[in-house]
Amino acid sequence: MKTKKHKRVFQWWWVVVPAVFVVALVAYGMVRRSTQQFTNSSYQVYEDSRYGFTVEYPRNWEVAKDTHVFENGDVVAFQIKGPTQKRYTEFIDGARFIVSKPFTIDTDLEIWMKGYFDDQAKFSKLTLAKYPFEAVEDCSQFGCMQYVFTTINGETYGVVLFAQGTSKEKAAYENALLYMLKSLTFTKDY
């Protein structure tokens, strides 16, 4: 009898140990892949000495200087196109981080924003790094766009944030946009 019981225990371990090993290996791979997506090595630094800012952006995103989102002009756009984005159409699938040319306003930033955007827009405040931002979500035209503005030494900078795609893609895009916004540094803030 001892040998039959001993054989059953031996057979049970023979299945469990490899299964635990495989599960641990898969979990390690998933954790490693997710941390690799958002490490500093997957980002590079863009520096604009003319307009006085730097930002880190994902290496696989393209840099475009021909966008026209802001009324006063765009400095640069960082973008990635999603799988359903069609050429020569409105940008609806992917992500964008667009920095405006700095401009001056003659009033408080919060007051300017509430006068500039539609009454349906949602306003909020946030501080990232050392910069206070006024944020707005505007859904009045081509889908919802998020804007953030800050004033540095009398010049107002705007950033538009856009992310759209499948749930998984959109979440990855939003994480990248947040990382970029946190990395935004103004070099003229002496």
Protein backbone atom coordinates (compact mmCIF):
# COMPACT_ATOMS: atom_id res chain seq x y z
CA MET A 1 0.00 0.00 0.00
CA LYS A 2 2.76 2.41 0.69
CA THR A 3 4.00 2.18 -2.86
CA LYS A 4 0.61 3.07 -4.42
CA LYS A 5 0.19 6.13 -2.19
CA HIS A 6 3.76 7.14 -2.87
CA LYS A 7 3.15 6.80 -6.65
CA ARG A 8 0.03 9.05 -6.48
CA VAL A 9 1.92 11.82 -4.66
CA PHE A 10 4.80 11.53 -7.09
CA GLN A 11 2.44 11.82 -10.08
CA TRP A 12 0.68 14.86 -8.57
CA TRP A 13 3.99 16.75 -8.13
CA TRP A 14 5.00 15.77 -11.62
CA VAL A 15 2.08 17.86 -12.99
CA VAL A 16 2.03 20.72 -10.47
CA VAL A 17 5.71 21.70 -10.54
CA PRO A 18 5.90 22.23 -14.34
CA ALA A 19 2.54 24.07 -14.30
CA VAL A 20 3.72 26.46 -11.58
CA PHE A 21 6.95 27.00 -13.51
CA VAL A 22 5.07 27.83 -16.73
CA VAL A 23 2.70 30.24 -14.94
CA ALA A 24 5.65 31.99 -13.26
CA LEU A 25 7.48 32.28 -16.58
CA VAL A 26 4.43 33.78 -18.31
CA ALA A 27 3.86 36.26 -15.45
CA TYR A 28 7.51 37.31 -15.56
CA GLY A 29 7.27 37.90 -19.31
CA MET A 30 4.13 40.01 -18.96
CA VAL A 31 5.62 42.16 -16.21
CA ARG A 32 8.85 42.59 -18.13
CA ARG A 33 7.04 43.56 -21.34
CA SER A 34 4.78 46.10 -19.60
CA THR A 35 7.69 47.78 -17.84
CA GLN A 36 9.70 47.89 -21.06
CA GLN A 37 6.91 49.82 -22.79
CA PHE A 38 7.26 52.83 -20.51
CA THR A 39 10.90 53.01 -19.50
CA ASN A 40 13.03 56.02 -20.28
CA SER A 41 14.93 54.01 -22.91
CA SER A 42 11.80 53.88 -25.08
CA TYR A 43 11.60 57.69 -25.08
CA GLN A 44 13.81 60.33 -26.59
CA VAL A 45 14.13 64.03 -25.85
CA TYR A 46 12.89 66.76 -28.17
CA GLU A 47 14.36 70.18 -27.47
CA ASP A 48 13.17 73.43 -29.00
CA SER A 49 15.53 76.27 -28.13
CA ARG A 50 13.55 78.83 -30.14
CA TYR A 51 10.36 78.39 -28.10
CA GLY A 52 12.09 77.24 -24.91
CA PHE A 53 10.90 73.76 -23.98
CA THR A 54 11.90 70.10 -23.93
CA VAL A 55 9.70 67.02 -23.86
CA GLU A 56 10.30 63.28 -23.90
CA TYR A 57 8.32 61.34 -26.50
CA PRO A 58 8.08 57.67 -27.50
CA ARG A 59 10.70 56.65 -30.06
CA ASN A 60 8.09 55.00 -32.29
CA TRP A 61 6.01 58.19 -32.60
CA GLU A 62 6.55 60.55 -35.51
CA VAL A 63 7.44 64.22 -35.15
CA ALA A 64 5.42 66.59 -37.36
CA LYS A 65 5.88 70.31 -37.78
CA ASP A 66 3.06 70.87 -40.26
CA THR A 67 -0.01 70.55 -38.01
CA HIS A 68 -2.47 73.42 -37.56
CA VAL A 69 -4.49 72.82 -34.42
CA PHE A 70 -3.84 75.98 -32.41
CA GLU A 71 -5.08 79.34 -33.65
CA ASN A 72 -1.67 80.97 -33.07
CA GLY A 73 0.19 78.06 -34.66
CA ASP A 74 1.77 74.80 -33.56
CA VAL A 75 5.45 74.32 -32.74
CA VAL A 76 5.46 70.54 -33.01
CA ALA A 77 3.21 67.49 -32.91
CA PHE A 78 4.19 64.03 -31.69
CA GLN A 79 1.84 61.41 -33.03
CA ILE A 80 1.22 57.77 -33.72
CA LYS A 81 -1.44 56.56 -36.11
CA GLY A 82 -3.68 53.67 -35.15
CA PRO A 83 -4.46 50.69 -37.40
CA THR A 84 -7.76 52.10 -38.73
CA GLN A 85 -6.48 55.62 -39.45
CA LYS A 86 -6.88 56.36 -43.15
CA ARG A 87 -4.54 58.63 -45.07
CA TYR A 88 -5.80 62.15 -45.90
CA THR A 89 -8.68 61.98 -43.41
CA GLU A 90 -9.38 63.62 -40.07
CA PHE A 91 -7.20 62.16 -37.29
CA ILE A 92 -9.49 59.69 -35.49
CA ASP A 93 -7.33 56.70 -34.53
CA GLY A 94 -4.06 57.06 -32.66
CA ALA A 95 -2.60 59.68 -30.37
CA ARG A 96 -1.28 63.21 -30.58
CA PHE A 97 0.62 65.57 -28.30
CA ILE A 98 0.78 69.02 -29.89
CA VAL A 99 2.56 72.05 -28.43
CA SER A 100 1.39 75.53 -29.44
CA LYS A 101 3.55 78.49 -30.24
CA PRO A 102 3.64 80.64 -27.09
CA PHE A 103 1.27 83.59 -27.11
CA THR A 104 0.34 86.43 -24.78
CA ILE A 105 -3.03 87.11 -23.22
CA ASP A 106 -4.18 90.26 -21.44
CA THR A 107 -6.05 88.57 -18.60
CA ASP A 108 -5.80 85.73 -16.11
CA LEU A 109 -5.38 82.33 -17.80
CA GLU A 110 -8.47 80.80 -16.19
CA ILE A 111 -10.63 83.76 -17.24
CA TRP A 112 -9.22 83.65 -20.79
CA MET A 113 -9.97 79.92 -21.10
CA LYS A 114 -13.56 80.28 -19.91
CA GLY A 115 -14.09 83.03 -22.48
CA TYR A 116 -12.38 81.12 -25.27
CA PHE A 117 -14.01 77.69 -24.91
CA ASP A 118 -17.67 76.72 -25.17
CA ASP A 119 -19.87 76.68 -22.05
CA GLN A 120 -20.14 72.88 -22.39
CA ALA A 121 -16.38 72.43 -21.87
CA LYS A 122 -15.17 70.92 -18.59
CA PHE A 123 -12.46 72.88 -16.76
CA SER A 124 -9.97 71.72 -14.14
CA LYS A 125 -6.55 72.49 -12.68
CA LEU A 126 -3.51 70.27 -12.36
CA THR A 127 0.11 70.61 -11.39
CA LEU A 128 2.74 68.44 -13.03
CA ALA A 129 6.40 68.76 -12.20
CA LYS A 130 6.53 72.37 -11.07
CA TYR A 131 4.07 73.90 -13.51
CA PRO A 132 0.42 74.68 -12.78
CA PHE A 133 -1.84 73.90 -15.74
CA GLU A 134 -5.37 74.93 -16.54
CA ALA A 135 -7.03 72.00 -18.29
CA VAL A 136 -10.13 71.79 -20.43
CA GLU A 137 -11.97 68.96 -22.15
CA ASP A 138 -13.79 70.30 -25.20
CA CYS A 139 -16.24 68.03 -27.03
CA SER A 140 -17.85 70.71 -29.20
CA GLN A 141 -16.34 69.95 -32.62
CA PHE A 142 -14.52 66.85 -33.93
CA GLY A 143 -14.82 64.57 -30.92
CA CYS A 144 -13.36 65.31 -27.52
CA MET A 145 -10.03 67.06 -27.24
CA GLN A 146 -8.12 67.78 -24.05
CA TYR A 147 -6.12 70.97 -23.79
CA VAL A 148 -3.78 72.17 -21.07
CA PHE A 149 -2.35 75.66 -20.79
CA THR A 150 0.27 77.25 -18.59
CA THR A 151 1.85 80.69 -18.49
CA ILE A 152 5.63 80.99 -18.18
CA ASN A 153 7.15 84.49 -17.91
CA GLY A 154 4.14 86.14 -19.52
CA GLU A 155 3.91 83.66 -22.41
CA THR A 156 1.11 81.12 -22.56
CA TYR A 157 1.82 77.64 -23.88
CA GLY A 158 -0.90 75.23 -24.92
CA VAL A 159 -0.79 71.48 -25.35
CA VAL A 160 -3.46 69.35 -26.97
CA LEU A 161 -3.80 65.71 -25.96
CA PHE A 162 -5.71 63.23 -28.07
CA ALA A 163 -5.98 59.44 -27.77
CA GLN A 164 -8.38 57.09 -29.53
CA GLY A 165 -8.32 53.40 -30.36
CA THR A 166 -9.26 50.05 -28.86
CA SER A 167 -9.36 49.97 -25.06
CA LYS A 168 -5.86 48.51 -24.85
CA GLU A 169 -4.39 50.91 -27.43
CA LYS A 170 -6.12 53.94 -25.92
CA ALA A 171 -4.83 53.09 -22.44
CA ALA A 172 -1.27 52.78 -23.77
CA TYR A 173 -1.64 56.09 -25.67
CA GLU A 174 -3.01 57.86 -22.58
CA ASN A 175 -0.12 56.57 -20.45
CA ALA A 176 2.36 57.85 -23.02
CA LEU A 177 0.62 61.25 -23.18
CA LEU A 178 0.69 61.58 -19.40
CA TYR A 179 4.39 60.67 -19.33
CA MET A 180 5.07 63.28 -22.01
CA LEU A 181 3.12 65.96 -20.16
CA LYS A 182 5.03 65.20 -16.94
CA SER A 183 8.33 65.42 -18.83
CA LEU A 184 7.51 68.80 -20.41
CA THR A 185 10.05 71.34 -19.16
CA PHE A 186 10.23 74.99 -20.05
CA THR A 187 13.77 76.22 -20.46
CA LYS A 188 12.80 79.91 -20.42
CA ASP A 189 11.37 79.79 -16.89
CA TYR A 190 14.26 81.64 -15.26
